[in-house]
Amino acid sequence: MSLFRFSKLPKSKPFTFTPRYYDPVQDELEERAKQREMRKQDDLEGAKMRIRSGFKSKYKADANFAQKSKRQQNIRLLLIIGFLLLGAYFVLTEFLPVWIQMIEKTE
């Protein structure tokens, strides 16, 4: 190793990151305060926030309500599927023979 160098090597920069303290409780409190201020507003966004928070609080607070709403959604879905299947059966039984005869006549 030589004592004299022709070029000077740069020194590394020190790492100067100072971590911040994160408090999830304080963050949640600030978020709720901001939402409360939004709900107090009389404009369209305030009305949307009030409606949205009402739905969320009702859905979270009452487990029975969530269970009932899911049951109603499933029943509604089954009814829709049933009506669609009945409609498809009706169309196929009534119009399929007519379509087959029309196709056979054209050949």
C-alpha atoms as a PDB file:
ATOM      1  CA  MET A   1       0.000   0.000   0.000  1.00  0.00           C
ATOM      2  CA  SER A   2       1.368   3.287  -0.922  1.00  0.00           C
ATOM      3  CA  LEU A   3       1.445   6.366   1.180  1.00  0.00           C
ATOM      4  CA  PHE A   4       0.771   8.676  -1.721  1.00  0.00           C
ATOM      5  CA  ARG A   5      -2.188   8.395  -4.031  1.00  0.00           C
ATOM      6  CA  PHE A   6      -2.821  10.184  -7.255  1.00  0.00           C
ATOM      7  CA  SER A   7      -6.552  10.279  -6.778  1.00  0.00           C
ATOM      8  CA  LYS A   8      -8.517  10.966  -3.673  1.00  0.00           C
ATOM      9  CA  LEU A   9     -11.312   8.488  -2.890  1.00  0.00           C
ATOM     10  CA  PRO A  10     -14.582  10.016  -1.705  1.00  0.00           C
ATOM     11  CA  LYS A  11     -15.656   9.359   1.831  1.00  0.00           C
ATOM     12  CA  SER A  12     -18.926   7.560   2.362  1.00  0.00           C
ATOM     13  CA  LYS A  13     -21.854   9.639   3.510  1.00  0.00           C
ATOM     14  CA  PRO A  14     -23.200   8.826   6.936  1.00  0.00           C
ATOM     15  CA  PHE A  15     -26.676   7.389   7.278  1.00  0.00           C
ATOM     16  CA  THR A  16     -28.785  10.095   8.903  1.00  0.00           C
ATOM     17  CA  PHE A  17     -32.247   8.579   9.090  1.00  0.00           C
ATOM     18  CA  THR A  18     -34.199   9.489  12.189  1.00  0.00           C
ATOM     19  CA  PRO A  19     -37.133   7.134  12.701  1.00  0.00           C
ATOM     20  CA  ARG A  20     -40.531   8.560  13.505  1.00  0.00           C
ATOM     21  CA  TYR A  21     -42.804   7.252  16.178  1.00  0.00           C
ATOM     22  CA  TYR A  22     -46.027   5.771  14.849  1.00  0.00           C
ATOM     23  CA  ASP A  23     -49.009   5.566  17.164  1.00  0.00           C
ATOM     24  CA  PRO A  24     -51.901   3.616  15.584  1.00  0.00           C
ATOM     25  CA  VAL A  25     -54.331   4.795  18.260  1.00  0.00           C
ATOM     26  CA  GLN A  26     -53.489   8.434  17.583  1.00  0.00           C
ATOM     27  CA  ASP A  27     -53.727   7.836  13.838  1.00  0.00           C
ATOM     28  CA  GLU A  28     -57.189   6.274  14.221  1.00  0.00           C
ATOM     29  CA  LEU A  29     -58.284   9.148  16.456  1.00  0.00           C
ATOM     30  CA  GLU A  30     -57.180  11.705  13.875  1.00  0.00           C
ATOM     31  CA  GLU A  31     -58.963   9.772  11.113  1.00  0.00           C
ATOM     32  CA  ARG A  32     -62.203   9.704  13.104  1.00  0.00           C
ATOM     33  CA  ALA A  33     -61.908  13.446  13.805  1.00  0.00           C
ATOM     34  CA  LYS A  34     -61.427  14.120  10.094  1.00  0.00           C
ATOM     35  CA  GLN A  35     -64.455  11.961   9.252  1.00  0.00           C
ATOM     36  CA  ARG A  36     -66.504  13.757  11.901  1.00  0.00           C
ATOM     37  CA  GLU A  37     -65.644  17.093  10.306  1.00  0.00           C
ATOM     38  CA  MET A  38     -66.568  15.733   6.873  1.00  0.00           C
ATOM     39  CA  ARG A  39     -69.938  14.525   8.203  1.00  0.00           C
ATOM     40  CA  LYS A  40     -70.705  17.973   9.577  1.00  0.00           C
ATOM     41  CA  GLN A  41     -70.375  19.565   6.155  1.00  0.00           C
ATOM     42  CA  ASP A  42     -73.580  20.241   4.241  1.00  0.00           C
ATOM     43  CA  ASP A  43     -72.193  19.568   0.778  1.00  0.00           C
ATOM     44  CA  LEU A  44     -72.513  16.407  -1.280  1.00  0.00           C
ATOM     45  CA  GLU A  45     -69.313  14.806   0.041  1.00  0.00           C
ATOM     46  CA  GLY A  46     -70.476  15.302   3.626  1.00  0.00           C
ATOM     47  CA  ALA A  47     -73.786  13.614   2.846  1.00  0.00           C
ATOM     48  CA  LYS A  48     -72.000  10.685   1.208  1.00  0.00           C
ATOM     49  CA  MET A  49     -69.736  10.316   4.240  1.00  0.00           C
ATOM     50  CA  ARG A  50     -72.699  10.335   6.639  1.00  0.00           C
ATOM     51  CA  ILE A  51     -74.510   7.658   4.653  1.00  0.00           C
ATOM     52  CA  ARG A  52     -71.374   5.531   4.288  1.00  0.00           C
ATOM     53  CA  SER A  53     -70.531   5.733   7.982  1.00  0.00           C
ATOM     54  CA  GLY A  54     -74.111   4.847   8.913  1.00  0.00           C
ATOM     55  CA  PHE A  55     -73.976   1.698   6.826  1.00  0.00           C
ATOM     56  CA  LYS A  56     -70.565   0.714   8.172  1.00  0.00           C
ATOM     57  CA  SER A  57     -71.483   1.247  11.797  1.00  0.00           C
ATOM     58  CA  LYS A  58     -74.739  -0.673  11.465  1.00  0.00           C
ATOM     59  CA  TYR A  59     -73.017  -3.528   9.662  1.00  0.00           C
ATOM     60  CA  LYS A  60     -70.146  -3.726  12.175  1.00  0.00           C
ATOM     61  CA  ALA A  61     -72.188  -3.284  15.317  1.00  0.00           C
ATOM     62  CA  ASP A  62     -74.870  -5.869  14.666  1.00  0.00           C
ATOM     63  CA  ALA A  63     -73.602  -9.321  13.715  1.00  0.00           C
ATOM     64  CA  ASN A  64     -77.193 -10.523  13.386  1.00  0.00           C
ATOM     65  CA  PHE A  65     -77.828  -7.784  10.800  1.00  0.00           C
ATOM     66  CA  ALA A  66     -74.822  -8.947   8.759  1.00  0.00           C
ATOM     67  CA  GLN A  67     -76.011 -12.541   8.869  1.00  0.00           C
ATOM     68  CA  LYS A  68     -79.547 -11.575   7.822  1.00  0.00           C
ATOM     69  CA  SER A  69     -78.336  -9.428   4.957  1.00  0.00           C
ATOM     70  CA  LYS A  70     -76.086 -12.203   3.619  1.00  0.00           C
ATOM     71  CA  ARG A  71     -78.958 -14.682   3.863  1.00  0.00           C
ATOM     72  CA  GLN A  72     -81.233 -12.282   1.954  1.00  0.00           C
ATOM     73  CA  GLN A  73     -78.588 -11.818  -0.725  1.00  0.00           C
ATOM     74  CA  ASN A  74     -78.221 -15.581  -1.152  1.00  0.00           C
ATOM     75  CA  ILE A  75     -81.998 -16.095  -1.359  1.00  0.00           C
ATOM     76  CA  ARG A  76     -82.288 -13.300  -3.927  1.00  0.00           C
ATOM     77  CA  LEU A  77     -79.503 -14.856  -5.984  1.00  0.00           C
ATOM     78  CA  LEU A  78     -81.162 -18.281  -5.903  1.00  0.00           C
ATOM     79  CA  LEU A  79     -84.491 -16.775  -6.990  1.00  0.00           C
ATOM     80  CA  ILE A  80     -82.863 -14.994  -9.914  1.00  0.00           C
ATOM     81  CA  ILE A  81     -81.096 -18.175 -11.007  1.00  0.00           C
ATOM     82  CA  GLY A  82     -84.377 -20.095 -10.692  1.00  0.00           C
ATOM     83  CA  PHE A  83     -86.290 -17.598 -12.830  1.00  0.00           C
ATOM     84  CA  LEU A  84     -83.555 -17.633 -15.456  1.00  0.00           C
ATOM     85  CA  LEU A  85     -83.595 -21.429 -15.574  1.00  0.00           C
ATOM     86  CA  LEU A  86     -87.397 -21.468 -15.893  1.00  0.00           C
ATOM     87  CA  GLY A  87     -87.220 -18.901 -18.678  1.00  0.00           C
ATOM     88  CA  ALA A  88     -84.572 -20.898 -20.513  1.00  0.00           C
ATOM     89  CA  TYR A  89     -86.644 -24.092 -20.151  1.00  0.00           C
ATOM     90  CA  PHE A  90     -89.734 -22.314 -21.489  1.00  0.00           C
ATOM     91  CA  VAL A  91     -87.843 -20.885 -24.472  1.00  0.00           C
ATOM     92  CA  LEU A  92     -86.247 -24.221 -25.306  1.00  0.00           C
ATOM     93  CA  THR A  93     -89.466 -26.261 -25.000  1.00  0.00           C
ATOM     94  CA  GLU A  94     -91.639 -23.800 -26.929  1.00  0.00           C
ATOM     95  CA  PHE A  95     -89.360 -22.400 -29.613  1.00  0.00           C
ATOM     96  CA  LEU A  96     -86.694 -25.063 -30.177  1.00  0.00           C
ATOM     97  CA  PRO A  97     -89.002 -27.369 -32.200  1.00  0.00           C
ATOM     98  CA  VAL A  98     -90.076 -24.399 -34.338  1.00  0.00           C
ATOM     99  CA  TRP A  99     -86.460 -23.445 -34.981  1.00  0.00           C
ATOM    100  CA  ILE A 100     -85.531 -27.018 -35.874  1.00  0.00           C
ATOM    101  CA  GLN A 101     -88.408 -27.177 -38.400  1.00  0.00           C
ATOM    102  CA  MET A 102     -87.339 -23.865 -39.920  1.00  0.00           C
ATOM    103  CA  ILE A 103     -83.760 -25.129 -40.292  1.00  0.00           C
ATOM    104  CA  GLU A 104     -84.916 -28.418 -41.865  1.00  0.00           C
ATOM    105  CA  LYS A 105     -87.118 -26.576 -44.387  1.00  0.00           C
ATOM    106  CA  THR A 106     -84.240 -24.380 -45.524  1.00  0.00           C
ATOM    107  CA  GLU A 107     -82.027 -27.393 -46.239  1.00  0.00           C
END
